[in-house]
C-alpha atoms as a PDB file:
ATOM      1  CA  MET A   1      20.324  38.501-133.425  1.00  0.00           C
ATOM      2  CA  GLY A   2      23.328  36.406-133.924  1.00  0.00           C
ATOM      3  CA  PRO A   3      24.726  33.292-135.796  1.00  0.00           C
ATOM      4  CA  GLN A   4      22.964  31.137-133.143  1.00  0.00           C
ATOM      5  CA  ALA A   5      19.755  32.309-134.081  1.00  0.00           C
ATOM      6  CA  GLN A   6      19.383  30.180-137.125  1.00  0.00           C
ATOM      7  CA  THR A   7      21.108  27.132-135.555  1.00  0.00           C
ATOM      8  CA  ALA A   8      17.353  24.995-136.193  1.00  0.00           C
ATOM      9  CA  ARG A   9      16.357  27.773-139.012  1.00  0.00           C
ATOM     10  CA  GLU A  10      16.908  27.040-143.096  1.00  0.00           C
ATOM     11  CA  CYS A  11      18.612  30.293-144.106  1.00  0.00           C
ATOM     12  CA  VAL A  12      17.441  32.378-147.053  1.00  0.00           C
ATOM     13  CA  LEU A  13      19.003  35.368-148.860  1.00  0.00           C
ATOM     14  CA  ILE A  14      16.579  37.860-150.059  1.00  0.00           C
ATOM     15  CA  THR A  15      17.498  40.699-151.947  1.00  0.00           C
ATOM     16  CA  GLY A  16      15.326  43.812-151.420  1.00  0.00           C
ATOM     17  CA  ALA A  17      13.570  42.562-148.833  1.00  0.00           C
ATOM     18  CA  SER A  18      12.156  45.772-146.921  1.00  0.00           C
ATOM     19  CA  ARG A  19       9.512  47.075-148.908  1.00  0.00           C
ATOM     20  CA  GLY A  20       7.035  45.669-151.281  1.00  0.00           C
ATOM     21  CA  ILE A  21       6.467  42.195-152.745  1.00  0.00           C
ATOM     22  CA  GLY A  22       9.985  41.764-150.915  1.00  0.00           C
ATOM     23  CA  ARG A  23       8.954  42.262-147.795  1.00  0.00           C
ATOM     24  CA  THR A  24       5.684  39.846-148.232  1.00  0.00           C
ATOM     25  CA  ILE A  25       8.662  36.943-149.499  1.00  0.00           C
ATOM     26  CA  ALA A  26      10.329  37.898-145.899  1.00  0.00           C
ATOM     27  CA  ASP A  27       7.442  37.643-143.631  1.00  0.00           C
ATOM     28  CA  ARG A  28       6.107  34.349-145.238  1.00  0.00           C
ATOM     29  CA  LEU A  29       9.178  32.373-145.264  1.00  0.00           C
ATOM     30  CA  ILE A  30      10.136  33.505-141.337  1.00  0.00           C
ATOM     31  CA  ALA A  31       6.746  32.236-140.965  1.00  0.00           C
ATOM     32  CA  ASP A  32       7.783  29.222-142.593  1.00  0.00           C
ATOM     33  CA  GLY A  33      10.581  28.584-140.165  1.00  0.00           C
ATOM     34  CA  MET A  34      13.534  29.966-142.176  1.00  0.00           C
ATOM     35  CA  HIS A  35      16.286  32.795-140.762  1.00  0.00           C
ATOM     36  CA  VAL A  36      16.158  35.627-143.403  1.00  0.00           C
ATOM     37  CA  ILE A  37      19.025  37.482-144.478  1.00  0.00           C
ATOM     38  CA  ASN A  38      17.550  40.808-146.135  1.00  0.00           C
ATOM     39  CA  PHE A  39      20.103  42.630-148.438  1.00  0.00           C
ATOM     40  CA  ASP A  40      18.460  46.274-148.591  1.00  0.00           C
ATOM     41  CA  LYS A  41      19.482  49.843-148.830  1.00  0.00           C
ATOM     42  CA  ILE A  42      16.714  50.506-145.932  1.00  0.00           C
ATOM     43  CA  ALA A  43      15.854  48.827-143.193  1.00  0.00           C
ATOM     44  CA  PRO A  44      12.230  47.579-143.276  1.00  0.00           C
ATOM     45  CA  LYS A  45       9.877  49.057-140.976  1.00  0.00           C
ATOM     46  CA  GLU A  46       9.016  46.556-138.652  1.00  0.00           C
ATOM     47  CA  SER A  47      10.457  42.706-138.425  1.00  0.00           C
ATOM     48  CA  ALA A  48       9.120  39.837-136.719  1.00  0.00           C
ATOM     49  CA  GLY A  49      12.690  38.566-135.451  1.00  0.00           C
ATOM     50  CA  HIS A  50      14.509  35.469-136.869  1.00  0.00           C
ATOM     51  CA  GLU A  51      15.847  38.293-139.902  1.00  0.00           C
ATOM     52  CA  ASN A  52      19.431  40.403-140.163  1.00  0.00           C
ATOM     53  CA  PHE A  53      19.059  43.330-142.093  1.00  0.00           C
ATOM     54  CA  TYR A  54      22.641  44.609-143.976  1.00  0.00           C
ATOM     55  CA  GLY A  55      22.246  47.728-145.729  1.00  0.00           C
ATOM     56  CA  VAL A  56      23.116  46.908-148.752  1.00  0.00           C
ATOM     57  CA  ASP A  57      22.924  48.945-152.190  1.00  0.00           C
ATOM     58  CA  VAL A  58      22.847  45.516-154.925  1.00  0.00           C
ATOM     59  CA  SER A  59      23.712  47.740-157.513  1.00  0.00           C
ATOM     60  CA  ASN A  60      27.361  48.496-155.849  1.00  0.00           C
ATOM     61  CA  GLN A  61      29.543  45.346-157.055  1.00  0.00           C
ATOM     62  CA  THR A  62      32.521  45.700-154.473  1.00  0.00           C
ATOM     63  CA  GLU A  63      29.522  46.607-152.133  1.00  0.00           C
ATOM     64  CA  LEU A  64      27.710  43.518-152.537  1.00  0.00           C
ATOM     65  CA  ARG A  65      30.507  41.324-153.037  1.00  0.00           C
ATOM     66  CA  SER A  66      31.958  42.243-149.701  1.00  0.00           C
ATOM     67  CA  ALA A  67      28.287  41.729-147.867  1.00  0.00           C
ATOM     68  CA  LEU A  68      27.684  38.044-149.439  1.00  0.00           C
ATOM     69  CA  LEU A  69      31.721  37.217-148.267  1.00  0.00           C
ATOM     70  CA  GLU A  70      30.523  38.219-144.571  1.00  0.00           C
ATOM     71  CA  VAL A  71      27.205  36.183-145.050  1.00  0.00           C
ATOM     72  CA  ALA A  72      28.423  33.215-146.410  1.00  0.00           C
ATOM     73  CA  SER A  73      31.325  33.209-143.576  1.00  0.00           C
ATOM     74  CA  LYS A  74      28.680  33.368-141.354  1.00  0.00           C
ATOM     75  CA  TYR A  75      25.667  31.191-142.371  1.00  0.00           C
ATOM     76  CA  SER A  76      25.151  28.309-144.363  1.00  0.00           C
ATOM     77  CA  ILE A  77      23.066  29.862-147.373  1.00  0.00           C
ATOM     78  CA  THR A  78      21.379  27.222-149.542  1.00  0.00           C
ATOM     79  CA  ARG A  79      18.377  29.382-150.721  1.00  0.00           C
ATOM     80  CA  LEU A  80      18.592  32.790-153.039  1.00  0.00           C
ATOM     81  CA  VAL A  81      15.329  34.810-153.924  1.00  0.00           C
ATOM     82  CA  ASN A  82      16.702  37.454-156.260  1.00  0.00           C
ATOM     83  CA  ASN A  83      14.095  40.517-155.949  1.00  0.00           C
ATOM     84  CA  ALA A  84      16.102  43.532-155.893  1.00  0.00           C
ATOM     85  CA  GLY A  85      14.961  45.750-158.797  1.00  0.00           C
ATOM     86  CA  ILE A  86      14.223  49.378-160.777  1.00  0.00           C
ATOM     87  CA  VAL A  87      11.949  50.742-163.047  1.00  0.00           C
ATOM     88  CA  ARG A  88      12.927  53.862-165.135  1.00  0.00           C
ATOM     89  CA  PRO A  89      10.186  53.943-167.267  1.00  0.00           C
ATOM     90  CA  ALA A  90      10.552  55.854-170.708  1.00  0.00           C
ATOM     91  CA  THR A  91       9.848  54.518-174.149  1.00  0.00           C
ATOM     92  CA  ILE A  92      12.736  53.789-176.721  1.00  0.00           C
ATOM     93  CA  GLU A  93      13.191  57.594-177.881  1.00  0.00           C
ATOM     94  CA  ASN A  94      13.528  58.389-174.169  1.00  0.00           C
ATOM     95  CA  THR A  95      15.574  55.590-172.417  1.00  0.00           C
ATOM     96  CA  SER A  96      19.072  56.622-172.152  1.00  0.00           C
ATOM     97  CA  ILE A  97      21.804  54.135-172.101  1.00  0.00           C
ATOM     98  CA  GLU A  98      22.197  55.389-168.390  1.00  0.00           C
ATOM     99  CA  ASP A  99      19.078  54.587-167.184  1.00  0.00           C
ATOM    100  CA  PHE A 100      19.484  51.026-169.200  1.00  0.00           C
ATOM    101  CA  TYR A 101      22.665  50.217-167.544  1.00  0.00           C
ATOM    102  CA  ALA A 102      21.185  51.173-164.540  1.00  0.00           C
ATOM    103  CA  VAL A 103      18.372  48.762-164.438  1.00  0.00           C
ATOM    104  CA  MET A 104      20.534  45.790-165.548  1.00  0.00           C
ATOM    105  CA  ASN A 105      23.042  46.509-162.792  1.00  0.00           C
ATOM    106  CA  VAL A 106      20.181  46.112-160.122  1.00  0.00           C
ATOM    107  CA  ASN A 107      17.866  43.407-161.632  1.00  0.00           C
ATOM    108  CA  VAL A 108      20.751  41.346-163.697  1.00  0.00           C
ATOM    109  CA  ALA A 109      24.279  41.498-162.863  1.00  0.00           C
ATOM    110  CA  ALA A 110      23.167  41.878-158.942  1.00  0.00           C
ATOM    111  CA  ALA A 111      21.581  38.327-159.241  1.00  0.00           C
ATOM    112  CA  ILE A 112      24.489  36.896-161.181  1.00  0.00           C
ATOM    113  CA  ILE A 113      26.688  38.267-158.538  1.00  0.00           C
ATOM    114  CA  CYS A 114      24.631  36.958-155.512  1.00  0.00           C
ATOM    115  CA  VAL A 115      24.526  33.408-157.174  1.00  0.00           C
ATOM    116  CA  GLN A 116      28.486  33.812-157.914  1.00  0.00           C
ATOM    117  CA  GLU A 117      28.781  33.757-153.979  1.00  0.00           C
ATOM    118  CA  LEU A 118      26.146  31.494-152.858  1.00  0.00           C
ATOM    119  CA  LEU A 119      27.420  29.201-154.953  1.00  0.00           C
ATOM    120  CA  PRO A 120      30.179  27.183-153.356  1.00  0.00           C
ATOM    121  CA  ALA A 121      28.013  26.697-150.144  1.00  0.00           C
ATOM    122  CA  MET A 122      25.095  25.256-152.193  1.00  0.00           C
ATOM    123  CA  LYS A 123      27.319  23.021-154.354  1.00  0.00           C
ATOM    124  CA  ALA A 124      29.141  21.791-150.788  1.00  0.00           C
ATOM    125  CA  ALA A 125      25.790  20.690-149.289  1.00  0.00           C
ATOM    126  CA  HIS A 126      24.517  18.846-152.669  1.00  0.00           C
ATOM    127  CA  PHE A 127      21.151  21.181-152.546  1.00  0.00           C
ATOM    128  CA  GLY A 128      20.203  24.696-153.933  1.00  0.00           C
ATOM    129  CA  ARG A 129      16.887  26.837-154.275  1.00  0.00           C
ATOM    130  CA  ILE A 130      17.484  29.648-156.467  1.00  0.00           C
ATOM    131  CA  VAL A 131      14.250  32.072-157.249  1.00  0.00           C
ATOM    132  CA  ASN A 132      14.406  34.847-159.753  1.00  0.00           C
ATOM    133  CA  ILE A 133      11.686  37.422-159.466  1.00  0.00           C
ATOM    134  CA  SER A 134      10.874  38.640-163.041  1.00  0.00           C
ATOM    135  CA  SER A 135       7.877  40.146-164.208  1.00  0.00           C
ATOM    136  CA  ARG A 136       4.918  39.643-166.814  1.00  0.00           C
ATOM    137  CA  ALA A 137       6.752  42.464-168.215  1.00  0.00           C
ATOM    138  CA  ALA A 138       9.294  40.322-169.348  1.00  0.00           C
ATOM    139  CA  LEU A 139       6.549  39.278-171.891  1.00  0.00           C
ATOM    140  CA  GLY A 140       6.257  42.835-173.412  1.00  0.00           C
ATOM    141  CA  LYS A 141       4.898  46.242-171.591  1.00  0.00           C
ATOM    142  CA  GLU A 142       4.855  50.211-173.342  1.00  0.00           C
ATOM    143  CA  GLU A 143       7.390  52.583-171.791  1.00  0.00           C
ATOM    144  CA  ARG A 144       9.594  49.793-169.952  1.00  0.00           C
ATOM    145  CA  VAL A 145      12.149  49.407-172.522  1.00  0.00           C
ATOM    146  CA  ALA A 146      15.058  48.941-170.012  1.00  0.00           C
ATOM    147  CA  TYR A 147      12.735  46.871-167.405  1.00  0.00           C
ATOM    148  CA  ALA A 148      11.190  44.314-169.632  1.00  0.00           C
ATOM    149  CA  THR A 149      14.417  43.851-171.433  1.00  0.00           C
ATOM    150  CA  SER A 150      16.325  43.135-167.770  1.00  0.00           C
ATOM    151  CA  LYS A 151      13.035  41.056-166.877  1.00  0.00           C
ATOM    152  CA  ALA A 152      13.713  39.129-169.524  1.00  0.00           C
ATOM    153  CA  GLY A 153      17.078  38.683-169.382  1.00  0.00           C
ATOM    154  CA  LEU A 154      16.385  36.688-165.734  1.00  0.00           C
ATOM    155  CA  LEU A 155      14.111  34.548-167.821  1.00  0.00           C
ATOM    156  CA  GLY A 156      17.344  33.399-170.019  1.00  0.00           C
ATOM    157  CA  LEU A 157      19.735  33.170-166.347  1.00  0.00           C
ATOM    158  CA  THR A 158      17.026  31.415-165.269  1.00  0.00           C
ATOM    159  CA  ARG A 159      17.159  28.273-167.530  1.00  0.00           C
ATOM    160  CA  THR A 160      20.664  28.422-168.277  1.00  0.00           C
ATOM    161  CA  LEU A 161      21.561  28.219-164.264  1.00  0.00           C
ATOM    162  CA  ALA A 162      18.637  25.457-164.290  1.00  0.00           C
ATOM    163  CA  LEU A 163      20.906  23.296-166.284  1.00  0.00           C
ATOM    164  CA  GLU A 164      24.894  24.065-165.512  1.00  0.00           C
ATOM    165  CA  LEU A 165      23.649  23.368-161.671  1.00  0.00           C
ATOM    166  CA  ALA A 166      21.211  20.520-161.811  1.00  0.00           C
ATOM    167  CA  ALA A 167      24.025  18.060-161.376  1.00  0.00           C
ATOM    168  CA  ASP A 168      24.606  19.410-157.981  1.00  0.00           C
ATOM    169  CA  GLY A 169      21.100  19.542-157.000  1.00  0.00           C
ATOM    170  CA  ILE A 170      20.344  23.017-157.345  1.00  0.00           C
ATOM    171  CA  THR A 171      16.846  24.488-159.001  1.00  0.00           C
ATOM    172  CA  VAL A 172      16.240  27.950-160.273  1.00  0.00           C
ATOM    173  CA  ASN A 173      12.795  29.120-160.839  1.00  0.00           C
ATOM    174  CA  ALA A 174      11.660  32.284-161.340  1.00  0.00           C
ATOM    175  CA  VAL A 175       8.151  33.713-161.007  1.00  0.00           C
ATOM    176  CA  GLY A 176       6.551  36.756-162.984  1.00  0.00           C
ATOM    177  CA  PRO A 177       4.373  38.749-161.236  1.00  0.00           C
ATOM    178  CA  GLY A 178       1.450  41.023-162.476  1.00  0.00           C
ATOM    179  CA  PRO A 179      -0.298  43.936-161.089  1.00  0.00           C
ATOM    180  CA  ILE A 180      -0.096  43.475-157.321  1.00  0.00           C
ATOM    181  CA  ALA A 181      -1.613  45.345-154.659  1.00  0.00           C
ATOM    182  CA  THR A 182       1.947  46.884-153.056  1.00  0.00           C
ATOM    183  CA  GLU A 183       2.073  50.231-151.873  1.00  0.00           C
ATOM    184  CA  LEU A 184       4.155  51.406-154.823  1.00  0.00           C
ATOM    185  CA  PHE A 185       1.518  49.957-157.231  1.00  0.00           C
ATOM    186  CA  GLN A 186      -1.255  51.355-155.689  1.00  0.00           C
ATOM    187  CA  SER A 187       0.492  55.045-155.398  1.00  0.00           C
ATOM    188  CA  ALA A 188       0.923  54.865-159.049  1.00  0.00           C
ATOM    189  CA  ASN A 189      -2.756  53.239-160.031  1.00  0.00           C
ATOM    190  CA  PRO A 190      -5.100  55.069-157.222  1.00  0.00           C
ATOM    191  CA  PRO A 191      -8.196  52.873-156.907  1.00  0.00           C
ATOM    192  CA  GLY A 192     -11.421  54.708-159.546  1.00  0.00           C
ATOM    193  CA  ALA A 193      -8.555  55.965-162.127  1.00  0.00           C
ATOM    194  CA  LEU A 194      -8.959  55.577-165.233  1.00  0.00           C
ATOM    195  CA  ALA A 195      -5.577  53.418-165.868  1.00  0.00           C
ATOM    196  CA  THR A 196      -6.338  51.227-163.440  1.00  0.00           C
ATOM    197  CA  GLN A 197      -9.552  50.442-164.695  1.00  0.00           C
ATOM    198  CA  ARG A 198      -7.746  49.606-168.096  1.00  0.00           C
ATOM    199  CA  ILE A 199      -5.333  47.169-165.879  1.00  0.00           C
ATOM    200  CA  LEU A 200      -8.296  45.605-164.122  1.00  0.00           C
ATOM    201  CA  ASP A 201     -10.203  44.809-167.080  1.00  0.00           C
ATOM    202  CA  SER A 202      -6.850  43.097-168.630  1.00  0.00           C
ATOM    203  CA  VAL A 203      -7.282  40.878-165.663  1.00  0.00           C
ATOM    204  CA  PRO A 204      -9.335  37.478-166.872  1.00  0.00           C
ATOM    205  CA  LEU A 205      -9.936  37.232-162.931  1.00  0.00           C
ATOM    206  CA  GLY A 206     -10.672  41.080-162.497  1.00  0.00           C
ATOM    207  CA  ARG A 207      -8.578  41.911-159.849  1.00  0.00           C
ATOM    208  CA  ILE A 208      -5.586  43.256-158.645  1.00  0.00           C
ATOM    209  CA  GLY A 209      -2.821  40.347-156.892  1.00  0.00           C
ATOM    210  CA  GLN A 210      -1.952  40.396-153.485  1.00  0.00           C
ATOM    211  CA  PRO A 211       1.598  39.945-151.742  1.00  0.00           C
ATOM    212  CA  GLU A 212       0.872  37.160-150.455  1.00  0.00           C
ATOM    213  CA  GLU A 213       0.183  35.264-153.473  1.00  0.00           C
ATOM    214  CA  VAL A 214       3.538  35.897-155.111  1.00  0.00           C
ATOM    215  CA  ALA A 215       4.668  34.891-151.675  1.00  0.00           C
ATOM    216  CA  HIS A 216       3.438  31.454-151.692  1.00  0.00           C
ATOM    217  CA  ILE A 217       4.545  30.812-155.460  1.00  0.00           C
ATOM    218  CA  VAL A 218       7.964  31.584-153.997  1.00  0.00           C
ATOM    219  CA  ALA A 219       7.711  29.761-150.932  1.00  0.00           C
ATOM    220  CA  SER A 220       6.652  26.555-152.909  1.00  0.00           C
ATOM    221  CA  LEU A 221       9.909  26.843-155.047  1.00  0.00           C
ATOM    222  CA  LEU A 222      11.622  27.340-152.605  1.00  0.00           C
ATOM    223  CA  ASP A 223      10.316  23.959-150.599  1.00  0.00           C
ATOM    224  CA  GLU A 224      13.000  20.949-149.824  1.00  0.00           C
ATOM    225  CA  ARG A 225      10.393  18.984-151.703  1.00  0.00           C
ATOM    226  CA  ALA A 226      10.455  20.773-155.129  1.00  0.00           C
ATOM    227  CA  GLY A 227      13.490  19.072-155.749  1.00  0.00           C
ATOM    228  CA  PHE A 228      12.354  17.957-159.738  1.00  0.00           C
ATOM    229  CA  THR A 229      10.956  21.942-161.076  1.00  0.00           C
ATOM    230  CA  THR A 230      13.370  23.750-162.541  1.00  0.00           C
ATOM    231  CA  GLY A 231      14.410  26.141-165.171  1.00  0.00           C
ATOM    232  CA  GLN A 232      10.820  27.085-165.328  1.00  0.00           C
ATOM    233  CA  VAL A 233       8.455  30.332-165.104  1.00  0.00           C
ATOM    234  CA  VAL A 234       5.566  31.089-162.766  1.00  0.00           C
ATOM    235  CA  TYR A 235       3.572  34.021-163.934  1.00  0.00           C
ATOM    236  CA  VAL A 236       1.174  35.188-161.147  1.00  0.00           C
ATOM    237  CA  CYS A 237      -0.502  36.914-162.763  1.00  0.00           C
ATOM    238  CA  GLY A 238      -4.468  36.546-162.373  1.00  0.00           C
ATOM    239  CA  GLY A 239      -4.469  34.937-165.987  1.00  0.00           C
ATOM    240  CA  MET A 240      -3.336  37.683-168.450  1.00  0.00           C
ATOM    241  CA  THR A 241      -0.400  35.964-169.695  1.00  0.00           C
ATOM    242  CA  VAL A 242      -2.985  33.264-170.877  1.00  0.00           C
ATOM    243  CA  GLY A 243      -4.111  35.093-173.937  1.00  0.00           C
ATOM    244  CA  LEU A 244      -6.496  37.847-174.813  1.00  0.00           C
ATOM    245  CA  HIS A 245      -9.187  38.609-172.483  1.00  0.00           C
ATOM    246  CA  HIS A 246     -12.635  40.782-173.082  1.00  0.00           C
END
């Protein structure tokens, strides 16, 4: 599918859009009439069309910048979803600095690079929508030293960019998913397990969230009509971030 496929569609770049929440976001945005540029290490299992997949390792700065320059020359991309992320679970005693750097590289540095390379098109259009996928873990979670730090870092990035880019008509917001029923989550937290039940007990709504519920918030923040919301974080967490739940 070439550039002509997106003539009537707004282009959005999503990192890590082949699986999990990223895939659901891509499907939702395609259904909403957008053309998706997907940067991921693996191709999606299936695509409904209106998508271009690029095999990109976002942890490799040279490879990422090269791919961004290529798509920026082919498409007018004014929307960006920084979704790619990795987790290296460990307590503070077992967190290696190598693991910390690896997580920060994918979860934060890649987001910064994507913004840097796509900014000229957004500024030229005097319009842009950037959504960073953070996590409820940004507020603290055991055995997530590197991950929680990186996701909290994304919130600082979101707020800073919101201030820097406001004059250019570019909004920057973050979405913080809580426990969401992705394949990865369900494999790590099988139904009926005690640990899974503890998670359920901590969610005021009493259930695990669905990827579509995250995608809905992302889609709304990317909408042209969401022009007066910037620098915000929306937690899609079933109420977990509100307070204690018994």
